[in-house]
Amino acid sequence: MKKIKRNIVITLAVLSLGISTAFIDSYFEVSKNLDIFINLFKEVNIRYVDPTKPGELMKTAIDGMLKSLDPYTVYIPESKIEDYRFMTTGQYGGIGSLISRRDNYIIVSEPYEGYPAQKAGLLAGDVILEVNGVSAEGKSTE
């Protein structure tokens, strides 16, 4: 009985060592590749002959990385997360309306049924002049 317990303990120890070694190797590879990417990104932004746009470079890098996986893995930037959350869960963090820009103004396109915009009486075509006392003229719809 003692021999069986000892063999089980030894087997578990060897398996644990193998799993932890695989994890360390994987972590090292990720860490090393991130280090290479960060250094390259810095060098391009500092030394490239023409001015660069770091945000666009990063988006292109992310898109390229995810494109190599499958067509369903995508990155959703923070600026689009509200739209995504609404499409996938029905949860909404804004006034509850589609909005658009016309000239320099934000226009209510379609208030959603049961959401704050509709409850406040906003109608399609209404112009949003200010938000919390701050003029909305010239502001982005993002």
Protein backbone atom coordinates (compact mmCIF):
# COMPACT_ATOMS: atom_id res chain seq x y z
CA MET A 1 0.00 0.00 0.00
CA LYS A 2 2.84 2.38 0.86
CA LYS A 3 4.49 1.60 -2.48
CA ILE A 4 1.31 2.50 -4.39
CA LYS A 5 0.96 5.81 -2.52
CA ARG A 6 4.61 6.61 -3.17
CA ASN A 7 4.23 5.83 -6.89
CA ILE A 8 1.11 8.01 -7.10
CA VAL A 9 2.90 10.90 -5.37
CA ILE A 10 5.92 10.56 -7.68
CA THR A 11 3.67 10.41 -10.76
CA LEU A 12 1.75 13.52 -9.65
CA ALA A 13 5.00 15.37 -8.95
CA VAL A 14 6.37 14.54 -12.42
CA LEU A 15 3.09 15.58 -14.08
CA SER A 16 3.01 18.84 -12.11
CA LEU A 17 6.58 19.60 -13.09
CA GLY A 18 5.81 18.94 -16.76
CA ILE A 19 2.70 21.14 -16.72
CA SER A 20 4.45 24.00 -14.92
CA THR A 21 7.41 23.80 -17.32
CA ALA A 22 5.02 24.02 -20.30
CA PHE A 23 3.31 27.04 -18.71
CA ILE A 24 6.66 28.75 -18.07
CA ASP A 25 7.78 28.10 -21.66
CA SER A 26 4.51 29.50 -23.01
CA TYR A 27 4.71 32.54 -20.73
CA PHE A 28 8.33 33.14 -21.76
CA GLU A 29 7.40 33.03 -25.45
CA VAL A 30 4.54 35.51 -24.97
CA SER A 31 6.72 37.79 -22.86
CA LYS A 32 9.60 37.71 -25.35
CA ASN A 33 7.33 38.44 -28.33
CA LEU A 34 5.65 41.32 -26.48
CA ASP A 35 9.08 42.75 -25.72
CA ILE A 36 10.04 42.55 -29.41
CA PHE A 37 6.74 44.18 -30.45
CA ILE A 38 7.06 47.01 -27.91
CA ASN A 39 10.63 47.78 -28.99
CA LEU A 40 9.69 47.75 -32.67
CA PHE A 41 6.62 49.92 -32.04
CA LYS A 42 8.74 52.50 -30.16
CA GLU A 43 11.44 52.54 -32.84
CA VAL A 44 8.94 53.01 -35.66
CA ASN A 45 7.22 55.85 -33.82
CA ILE A 46 10.51 57.58 -32.98
CA ARG A 47 12.64 56.94 -36.05
CA TYR A 48 10.33 56.49 -39.03
CA VAL A 49 11.04 59.05 -41.76
CA ASP A 50 7.46 60.41 -41.82
CA PRO A 51 5.20 61.22 -38.86
CA THR A 52 3.28 58.18 -37.63
CA LYS A 53 -0.11 57.77 -35.98
CA PRO A 54 0.45 55.37 -33.07
CA GLY A 55 -3.26 54.61 -32.66
CA GLU A 56 -3.62 53.60 -36.30
CA LEU A 57 -0.44 51.51 -36.16
CA MET A 58 -1.73 49.68 -33.09
CA LYS A 59 -5.15 49.07 -34.65
CA THR A 60 -3.49 47.67 -37.79
CA ALA A 61 -1.29 45.39 -35.66
CA ILE A 62 -4.27 44.13 -33.66
CA ASP A 63 -6.36 43.57 -36.79
CA GLY A 64 -3.50 41.66 -38.44
CA MET A 65 -2.98 39.47 -35.39
CA LEU A 66 -6.67 38.57 -35.08
CA LYS A 67 -7.11 38.07 -38.83
CA SER A 68 -4.61 35.21 -38.61
CA LEU A 69 -6.91 33.33 -36.20
CA ASP A 70 -10.41 33.04 -37.66
CA PRO A 71 -13.10 35.36 -39.05
CA TYR A 72 -15.03 35.45 -35.76
CA THR A 73 -12.35 36.79 -33.42
CA VAL A 74 -12.47 40.57 -33.50
CA TYR A 75 -11.30 43.47 -31.39
CA ILE A 76 -13.94 45.96 -30.33
CA PRO A 77 -12.38 49.30 -29.38
CA GLU A 78 -13.66 51.12 -26.33
CA SER A 79 -15.32 53.75 -28.52
CA LYS A 80 -17.59 51.05 -30.04
CA ILE A 81 -18.25 48.93 -26.95
CA GLU A 82 -21.62 50.58 -26.15
CA ASP A 83 -22.92 49.73 -29.64
CA TYR A 84 -21.67 46.16 -29.26
CA ARG A 85 -23.19 45.76 -25.80
CA PHE A 86 -26.54 47.03 -27.06
CA MET A 87 -26.51 44.71 -30.09
CA THR A 88 -25.60 41.62 -28.07
CA THR A 89 -27.42 42.10 -24.77
CA GLY A 90 -29.94 44.88 -25.25
CA GLN A 91 -28.23 46.81 -22.43
CA TYR A 92 -27.65 50.43 -23.28
CA GLY A 93 -25.57 53.05 -21.51
CA GLY A 94 -26.71 56.19 -23.35
CA ILE A 95 -29.95 58.10 -23.80
CA GLY A 96 -31.58 55.23 -25.67
CA SER A 97 -31.66 56.59 -29.18
CA LEU A 98 -29.90 56.38 -32.50
CA ILE A 99 -28.29 59.75 -33.18
CA SER A 100 -26.63 61.27 -36.20
CA ARG A 101 -24.90 64.49 -37.23
CA ARG A 102 -26.37 67.06 -39.55
CA ASP A 103 -24.18 70.06 -40.24
CA ASN A 104 -22.81 70.98 -36.82
CA TYR A 105 -25.63 69.48 -34.77
CA ILE A 106 -26.55 66.14 -33.23
CA ILE A 107 -29.96 64.90 -34.34
CA VAL A 108 -32.16 62.26 -32.71
CA SER A 109 -32.71 59.64 -35.43
CA GLU A 110 -34.73 57.01 -33.61
CA PRO A 111 -35.59 56.93 -29.89
CA TYR A 112 -35.78 53.36 -28.58
CA GLU A 113 -39.05 52.18 -27.11
CA GLY A 114 -39.00 52.33 -23.30
CA TYR A 115 -35.60 54.05 -23.00
CA PRO A 116 -34.83 57.48 -21.46
CA ALA A 117 -34.94 59.37 -24.80
CA GLN A 118 -38.49 58.22 -25.49
CA LYS A 119 -39.56 58.70 -21.87
CA ALA A 120 -38.25 62.28 -22.01
CA GLY A 121 -40.36 62.91 -25.11
CA LEU A 122 -37.55 63.11 -27.67
CA LEU A 123 -38.72 62.49 -31.23
CA ALA A 124 -36.93 61.62 -34.46
CA GLY A 125 -35.58 64.85 -35.94
CA ASP A 126 -35.12 66.66 -32.61
CA VAL A 127 -31.86 68.62 -32.34
CA ILE A 128 -29.76 68.11 -29.19
CA LEU A 129 -28.57 71.61 -28.28
CA GLU A 130 -26.80 70.87 -25.00
CA VAL A 131 -25.94 68.09 -22.58
CA ASN A 132 -25.74 68.89 -18.85
CA GLY A 133 -25.52 72.60 -19.65
CA VAL A 134 -22.68 72.17 -22.18
CA SER A 135 -23.33 73.09 -25.82
CA ALA A 136 -23.51 70.07 -28.12
CA GLU A 137 -22.80 72.16 -31.22
CA GLY A 138 -19.83 70.75 -33.13
CA LYS A 139 -19.51 67.74 -30.81
CA SER A 140 -18.94 64.19 -32.02
CA THR A 141 -21.65 61.55 -31.83
CA GLU A 142 -19.16 59.12 -30.23
